């Protein structure tokens, strides 16, 4: 009996060690650290926003602007007409699209001054939510074309056709169409792109109707150039209004997805949304979901972006997007890279 108790005790200790070494450090699941307010810009009414180094690149009244982490306006780029923006990881290259049905590429220098700004694609239909990445000295970009009704919010009416297109370029000027990633008569929004193990991964939101329940999906390429794609895989089901922000690969090969959703206030959309994350294994099978990130703000969060810098995990979001639309940055200490 004593031996059995001893072995049982050792087994419990072993399990606790495993949990402490994986779940706690990799996923930060058991952290009760609340994010604290870093900056708050009242009623900025910015339409999109991304971290750029230790700054915020955002769209205000259809034009690109730069803020620092303290919420101070640093620059306004009057000639960059941008409604949706994406920053190329590790570079000061920005892909953007706008209501004029143009897709552009802007470049900034180390002082964040505009070096170049070029319209690279002029389109017949609206293109939204670009996402850009650089792989082996070649740039790849997705943009989502909308044919017909944009952001349909009426279940009784026909929705527009949304198609995620995939392009590549070696010089950021000439872009070649590669393939269509996904297409359907649902709102496909908030696209993010990864390249891991010689495959591209495209993550996006799939809405039933605008501000209604939505799922988060991911599509993997069959090849290293994004010419062919597997069928979309659902990461989170359409039980609330999910708004994906970022997805990253962790040290152990699993993936972590940050998003905001109104699961505690179904139907409230942005005004009822809080911030969460989910963790998936190497095959994007769900391990954990709806792990809440406790914030100073509480609810009313539309999460734009996340970033780790100087031992802190930063969260960039709009508060009460449909009314006040304040720009908020909150942060907390992190042990993750």
Protein backbone atom coordinates (compact mmCIF):
# COMPACT_ATOMS: atom_id res chain seq x y z
CA UNK A 1 0.00 0.00 0.00
CA UNK A 2 2.82 2.41 0.92
CA UNK A 3 4.55 1.67 -2.40
CA UNK A 4 1.33 2.36 -4.32
CA UNK A 5 0.87 5.68 -2.52
CA UNK A 6 4.50 6.56 -3.24
CA UNK A 7 4.14 5.79 -6.95
CA UNK A 8 0.84 7.69 -7.07
CA UNK A 9 2.52 10.71 -5.48
CA UNK A 10 5.36 10.58 -8.00
CA UNK A 11 2.84 10.36 -10.84
CA UNK A 12 0.97 13.42 -9.58
CA UNK A 13 4.22 15.38 -9.29
CA UNK A 14 5.19 14.32 -12.83
CA UNK A 15 1.83 15.49 -14.23
CA UNK A 16 2.12 18.82 -12.42
CA UNK A 17 5.62 19.32 -13.82
CA UNK A 18 4.40 18.59 -17.34
CA UNK A 19 1.52 21.04 -16.94
CA UNK A 20 3.82 23.66 -15.53
CA UNK A 21 6.35 23.27 -18.33
CA UNK A 22 3.91 23.29 -21.20
CA UNK A 23 0.54 24.84 -20.48
CA UNK A 24 1.67 27.55 -18.11
CA UNK A 25 4.77 28.72 -19.95
CA UNK A 26 3.65 28.20 -23.55
CA UNK A 27 0.01 29.19 -23.28
CA UNK A 28 -0.01 31.48 -20.23
CA UNK A 29 -3.30 29.74 -19.32
CA UNK A 30 -2.98 30.16 -15.60
CA UNK A 31 -1.82 33.75 -15.63
CA UNK A 32 -4.20 36.06 -13.80
CA UNK A 33 -2.24 39.13 -14.83
CA UNK A 34 -4.63 41.84 -15.89
CA UNK A 35 -3.66 44.06 -18.78
CA UNK A 36 -3.10 47.66 -17.76
CA UNK A 37 -3.89 50.78 -19.75
CA UNK A 38 -0.90 52.17 -21.65
CA UNK A 39 -2.67 54.76 -23.79
CA UNK A 40 -6.20 55.87 -24.59
CA UNK A 41 -7.14 58.13 -27.51
CA UNK A 42 -10.74 59.22 -27.09
CA UNK A 43 -13.06 59.00 -30.10
CA UNK A 44 -10.31 58.59 -32.67
CA UNK A 45 -12.72 56.70 -34.95
CA UNK A 46 -9.91 54.84 -36.67
CA UNK A 47 -11.04 52.18 -39.11
CA UNK A 48 -8.09 49.79 -38.89
CA UNK A 49 -4.83 49.63 -36.92
CA UNK A 50 -1.63 47.57 -36.70
CA UNK A 51 1.57 47.67 -34.66
CA UNK A 52 4.60 48.94 -36.58
CA UNK A 53 7.70 48.45 -34.42
CA UNK A 54 6.84 50.39 -31.24
CA UNK A 55 4.26 52.55 -33.00
CA UNK A 56 0.70 52.29 -34.24
CA UNK A 57 -0.13 52.54 -37.92
CA UNK A 58 -3.79 53.33 -38.39
CA UNK A 59 -6.45 54.61 -40.79
CA UNK A 60 -8.36 57.80 -39.92
CA UNK A 61 -10.96 59.16 -42.31
CA UNK A 62 -9.50 56.98 -45.03
CA UNK A 63 -5.92 58.24 -44.60
CA UNK A 64 -2.91 56.57 -42.98
CA UNK A 65 -1.48 57.96 -39.75
CA UNK A 66 1.21 57.03 -37.22
CA UNK A 67 0.85 57.18 -33.42
CA UNK A 68 3.34 56.21 -30.72
CA UNK A 69 2.55 53.91 -27.79
CA UNK A 70 1.70 56.92 -25.63
CA UNK A 71 -1.12 57.80 -28.01
CA UNK A 72 0.59 60.83 -29.53
CA UNK A 73 0.15 61.56 -33.23
CA UNK A 74 3.57 61.35 -34.93
CA UNK A 75 2.74 61.70 -38.61
CA UNK A 76 -0.10 61.80 -41.11
CA UNK A 77 0.43 60.42 -44.61
CA UNK A 78 -1.98 62.54 -46.62
CA UNK A 79 -1.20 60.82 -49.93
CA UNK A 80 -1.80 57.31 -48.62
CA UNK A 81 -5.54 56.77 -48.96
CA UNK A 82 -6.00 53.63 -46.88
CA UNK A 83 -9.09 52.09 -45.30
CA UNK A 84 -7.58 48.64 -44.59
CA UNK A 85 -3.89 48.12 -43.79
CA UNK A 86 -1.39 45.30 -43.24
CA UNK A 87 2.23 45.59 -42.13
CA UNK A 88 4.81 43.15 -43.53
CA UNK A 89 6.45 41.42 -40.52
CA UNK A 90 9.96 42.74 -39.84
CA UNK A 91 9.72 45.52 -42.44
CA UNK A 92 8.23 48.98 -42.89
CA UNK A 93 6.25 47.85 -45.90
CA UNK A 94 2.50 48.42 -45.79
CA UNK A 95 -0.17 46.89 -48.01
CA UNK A 96 -3.44 48.80 -48.07
CA UNK A 97 -6.74 49.05 -49.90
CA UNK A 98 -9.44 51.72 -50.00
CA UNK A 99 -12.94 52.68 -51.04
CA UNK A 100 -11.67 53.77 -54.46
CA UNK A 101 -11.14 50.06 -55.25
CA UNK A 102 -7.36 50.47 -55.28
CA UNK A 103 -4.67 48.32 -53.69
CA UNK A 104 -1.43 50.07 -52.79
CA UNK A 105 2.01 49.48 -51.30
CA UNK A 106 3.70 52.12 -49.13
CA UNK A 107 7.23 52.06 -47.70
CA UNK A 108 8.60 54.02 -44.74
CA UNK A 109 12.22 54.70 -43.76
CA UNK A 110 13.72 54.20 -40.28
CA UNK A 111 12.36 57.59 -39.20
CA UNK A 112 8.91 56.51 -40.48
CA UNK A 113 8.93 59.02 -43.31
CA UNK A 114 7.22 57.96 -46.52
CA UNK A 115 9.72 56.67 -49.10
CA UNK A 116 7.31 55.47 -51.76
CA UNK A 117 3.61 54.97 -52.35
CA UNK A 118 2.31 53.08 -55.37
CA UNK A 119 -1.11 51.88 -56.48
CA UNK A 120 -0.28 48.37 -57.65
CA UNK A 121 -3.75 47.11 -58.52
CA UNK A 122 -6.83 49.00 -59.74
CA UNK A 123 -9.91 46.84 -59.37
CA UNK A 124 -13.46 46.71 -60.67
CA UNK A 125 -14.85 45.69 -57.29
CA UNK A 126 -14.04 46.61 -53.69
CA UNK A 127 -11.09 44.74 -52.17
CA UNK A 128 -10.72 44.66 -48.38
CA UNK A 129 -8.43 43.39 -45.61
CA UNK A 130 -5.04 42.89 -47.31
CA UNK A 131 -2.44 40.69 -45.61
CA UNK A 132 1.24 40.70 -46.61
CA UNK A 133 4.27 38.54 -45.79
CA UNK A 134 7.81 38.10 -47.13
CA UNK A 135 9.17 34.60 -47.80
CA UNK A 136 12.60 33.92 -49.35
CA UNK A 137 12.98 37.42 -50.83
CA UNK A 138 9.53 37.29 -52.40
CA UNK A 139 6.44 39.12 -51.15
CA UNK A 140 3.04 37.45 -50.94
CA UNK A 141 -0.26 39.23 -50.40
CA UNK A 142 -3.93 38.36 -50.03
CA UNK A 143 -6.80 40.74 -50.73
CA UNK A 144 -10.48 39.93 -50.46
CA UNK A 145 -12.73 40.90 -53.38
CA UNK A 146 -16.41 41.65 -52.73
CA UNK A 147 -18.82 41.20 -55.64
CA UNK A 148 -22.28 42.51 -54.83
CA UNK A 149 -23.53 43.51 -51.39
CA UNK A 150 -20.84 44.52 -48.90
CA UNK A 151 -21.33 43.64 -45.22
CA UNK A 152 -24.91 42.44 -45.59
CA UNK A 153 -26.61 42.50 -42.18
CA UNK A 154 -30.05 41.23 -43.27
CA UNK A 155 -30.58 37.47 -43.19
CA UNK A 156 -33.42 37.79 -45.72
CA UNK A 157 -31.24 39.46 -48.36
CA UNK A 158 -28.59 38.02 -50.65
CA UNK A 159 -25.01 38.44 -49.52
CA UNK A 160 -22.19 39.46 -51.81
CA UNK A 161 -19.59 36.97 -53.01
CA UNK A 162 -16.30 37.22 -51.11
CA UNK A 163 -13.11 35.79 -52.65
CA UNK A 164 -9.65 35.79 -51.07
CA UNK A 165 -7.09 36.27 -53.87
CA UNK A 166 -3.40 35.38 -53.51
CA UNK A 167 -0.63 37.40 -55.24
CA UNK A 168 3.17 37.48 -55.28
CA UNK A 169 5.83 40.06 -56.16
CA UNK A 170 9.61 40.34 -56.14
CA UNK A 171 9.79 44.14 -56.25
CA UNK A 172 6.54 45.30 -54.58
CA UNK A 173 5.54 46.97 -57.85
CA UNK A 174 4.52 44.19 -60.21
CA UNK A 175 2.11 41.72 -58.63
CA UNK A 176 1.24 38.38 -60.21
CA UNK A 177 -2.00 36.55 -59.48
CA UNK A 178 -1.26 33.09 -58.06
CA UNK A 179 -4.56 31.55 -56.96
CA UNK A 180 -7.88 31.94 -55.17
CA UNK A 181 -7.68 30.81 -51.55
CA UNK A 182 -11.38 30.64 -50.68
CA UNK A 183 -14.66 31.94 -52.08
CA UNK A 184 -18.27 31.93 -50.80
CA UNK A 185 -21.38 34.05 -50.28
CA UNK A 186 -20.40 34.96 -46.72
CA UNK A 187 -18.45 37.90 -45.35
CA UNK A 188 -14.79 36.82 -45.28
CA UNK A 189 -12.85 39.33 -43.21
CA UNK A 190 -9.86 40.01 -40.91
CA UNK A 191 -7.33 37.95 -42.84
CA UNK A 192 -3.96 36.97 -41.36
CA UNK A 193 -1.18 35.03 -43.10
CA UNK A 194 1.56 32.66 -41.86
CA UNK A 195 4.26 30.64 -43.60
CA UNK A 196 5.32 27.51 -41.72
CA UNK A 197 6.93 24.23 -42.86
CA UNK A 198 6.82 25.21 -46.55
CA UNK A 199 3.11 25.99 -46.49
CA UNK A 200 1.05 29.15 -46.29
CA UNK A 201 -1.76 29.39 -43.75
CA UNK A 202 -4.55 31.91 -44.28
CA UNK A 203 -6.71 32.61 -41.23
CA UNK A 204 -9.96 34.61 -41.50
CA UNK A 205 -13.41 35.30 -40.10
CA UNK A 206 -16.47 33.88 -41.88
CA UNK A 207 -19.66 35.76 -40.98
CA UNK A 208 -23.22 34.60 -41.51
CA UNK A 209 -24.30 38.26 -41.72
CA UNK A 210 -22.53 41.46 -40.70
CA UNK A 211 -22.10 41.65 -36.91
CA UNK A 212 -23.89 38.32 -36.56
CA UNK A 213 -22.40 35.01 -35.43
CA UNK A 214 -19.20 34.04 -37.23
CA UNK A 215 -16.63 31.26 -37.33
CA UNK A 216 -12.85 31.52 -37.62
CA UNK A 217 -11.35 29.37 -40.38
CA UNK A 218 -7.91 28.52 -41.71
CA UNK A 219 -6.75 27.33 -45.13
CA UNK A 220 -3.42 25.59 -45.78
CA UNK A 221 -1.61 25.59 -49.13
CA UNK A 222 -0.66 22.27 -50.73
CA UNK A 223 2.63 23.74 -51.93
CA UNK A 224 5.22 26.37 -50.97
CA UNK A 225 3.98 28.90 -53.55
CA UNK A 226 0.29 28.96 -52.70
CA UNK A 227 -0.88 27.62 -56.05
CA UNK A 228 -3.26 25.06 -54.55
CA UNK A 229 -5.13 24.91 -51.26
CA UNK A 230 -6.78 22.41 -48.96
CA UNK A 231 -10.43 22.93 -48.04
CA UNK A 232 -10.96 25.48 -45.23
CA UNK A 233 -10.82 24.13 -41.69
CA UNK A 234 -13.03 25.61 -38.97
CA UNK A 235 -11.02 26.65 -35.91
CA UNK A 236 -13.86 28.17 -33.89
CA UNK A 237 -17.54 27.57 -34.64
CA UNK A 238 -20.13 30.25 -35.32
CA UNK A 239 -21.62 30.46 -31.82
CA UNK A 240 -20.81 34.18 -31.37
CA UNK A 241 -19.33 37.10 -33.30
CA UNK A 242 -15.62 36.24 -33.54
CA UNK A 243 -13.08 38.86 -34.64
CA UNK A 244 -9.62 37.27 -35.21
CA UNK A 245 -6.58 39.49 -34.67
CA UNK A 246 -3.32 37.51 -34.77
CA UNK A 247 -2.17 33.91 -34.96
CA UNK A 248 1.34 32.78 -34.02
CA UNK A 249 3.40 29.63 -33.74
CA UNK A 250 4.63 28.75 -30.24
CA UNK A 251 7.93 27.12 -29.30
CA UNK A 252 6.42 23.64 -29.04
CA UNK A 253 4.93 23.81 -32.54
CA UNK A 254 1.38 24.60 -31.45
CA UNK A 255 -0.49 27.74 -32.54
CA UNK A 256 -2.06 30.54 -30.52
CA UNK A 257 -4.94 32.63 -31.85
CA UNK A 258 -6.02 35.93 -30.31
CA UNK A 259 -9.53 37.21 -30.97
CA UNK A 260 -12.37 39.24 -29.52
CA UNK A 261 -15.94 37.94 -29.34
CA UNK A 262 -19.30 38.57 -27.69
CA UNK A 263 -19.76 35.07 -26.21
CA UNK A 264 -20.91 36.53 -22.88
CA UNK A 265 -23.26 39.01 -24.59
CA UNK A 266 -24.51 37.18 -27.68
CA UNK A 267 -25.85 39.59 -30.27
CA UNK A 268 -24.10 42.64 -28.82
CA UNK A 269 -21.23 42.24 -31.30
CA UNK A 270 -18.42 44.79 -30.75
CA UNK A 271 -20.11 46.49 -27.79
CA UNK A 272 -20.27 43.23 -25.83
CA UNK A 273 -17.00 41.64 -26.92
CA UNK A 274 -14.13 40.70 -24.63
CA UNK A 275 -10.63 39.49 -25.51
CA UNK A 276 -9.68 35.79 -25.64
CA UNK A 277 -7.20 33.33 -27.06
CA UNK A 278 -7.32 29.73 -28.25
CA UNK A 279 -4.55 27.15 -28.68
CA UNK A 280 -4.29 24.53 -31.44
CA UNK A 281 -1.90 21.65 -32.04
CA UNK A 282 0.36 21.27 -35.10
CA UNK A 283 -2.60 20.09 -37.17
CA UNK A 284 -4.79 22.95 -35.97
CA UNK A 285 -6.93 20.69 -33.84
CA UNK A 286 -8.34 22.58 -30.87
CA UNK A 287 -6.64 22.22 -27.46
CA UNK A 288 -8.10 25.19 -25.56
CA UNK A 289 -10.48 27.99 -26.51
CA UNK A 290 -12.09 31.09 -24.99
CA UNK A 291 -9.27 31.71 -22.50
CA UNK A 292 -10.13 35.25 -21.42
CA UNK A 293 -7.52 37.97 -21.26
CA UNK A 294 -8.54 40.11 -18.30
CA UNK A 295 -8.39 43.80 -19.21
CA UNK A 296 -8.84 47.23 -17.66
CA UNK A 297 -11.41 47.93 -20.35
CA UNK A 298 -13.58 44.89 -19.63
CA UNK A 299 -15.87 44.68 -22.66
CA UNK A 300 -16.64 46.61 -25.83
CA UNK A 301 -13.40 45.42 -27.46
CA UNK A 302 -12.67 45.06 -31.18
CA UNK A 303 -9.15 43.60 -31.17
CA UNK A 304 -6.90 44.81 -34.01
CA UNK A 305 -3.44 43.48 -33.21
CA UNK A 306 -1.08 42.04 -30.58
CA UNK A 307 2.66 42.36 -30.11
CA UNK A 308 5.41 41.24 -27.72
CA UNK A 309 8.09 43.82 -26.99
CA UNK A 310 10.54 44.38 -24.12
CA UNK A 311 9.01 41.67 -21.94
CA UNK A 312 5.47 42.95 -22.44
CA UNK A 313 2.51 41.65 -24.38
CA UNK A 314 0.63 44.54 -25.99
CA UNK A 315 -2.97 44.59 -27.18
CA UNK A 316 -4.30 47.17 -29.63
CA UNK A 317 -8.05 47.58 -29.98
CA UNK A 318 -11.00 49.89 -30.52
CA UNK A 319 -13.39 50.43 -27.60
CA UNK A 320 -17.08 50.68 -28.50
CA UNK A 321 -16.26 50.68 -32.21
CA UNK A 322 -19.77 51.58 -33.42
CA UNK A 323 -20.15 54.60 -31.13
CA UNK A 324 -17.14 56.25 -29.41
CA UNK A 325 -14.46 54.19 -31.20
CA UNK A 326 -11.62 55.03 -28.80
CA UNK A 327 -8.17 53.67 -29.66
CA UNK A 328 -6.76 51.71 -26.72
CA UNK A 329 -3.43 50.03 -25.98
CA UNK A 330 -3.15 47.77 -22.95
CA UNK A 331 -0.26 45.56 -21.87
CA UNK A 332 0.96 42.97 -19.38
CA UNK A 333 4.22 41.26 -18.53
CA UNK A 334 4.96 38.05 -20.41
CA UNK A 335 7.57 35.30 -20.26
CA UNK A 336 6.95 34.31 -23.88
CA UNK A 337 9.24 35.34 -26.74
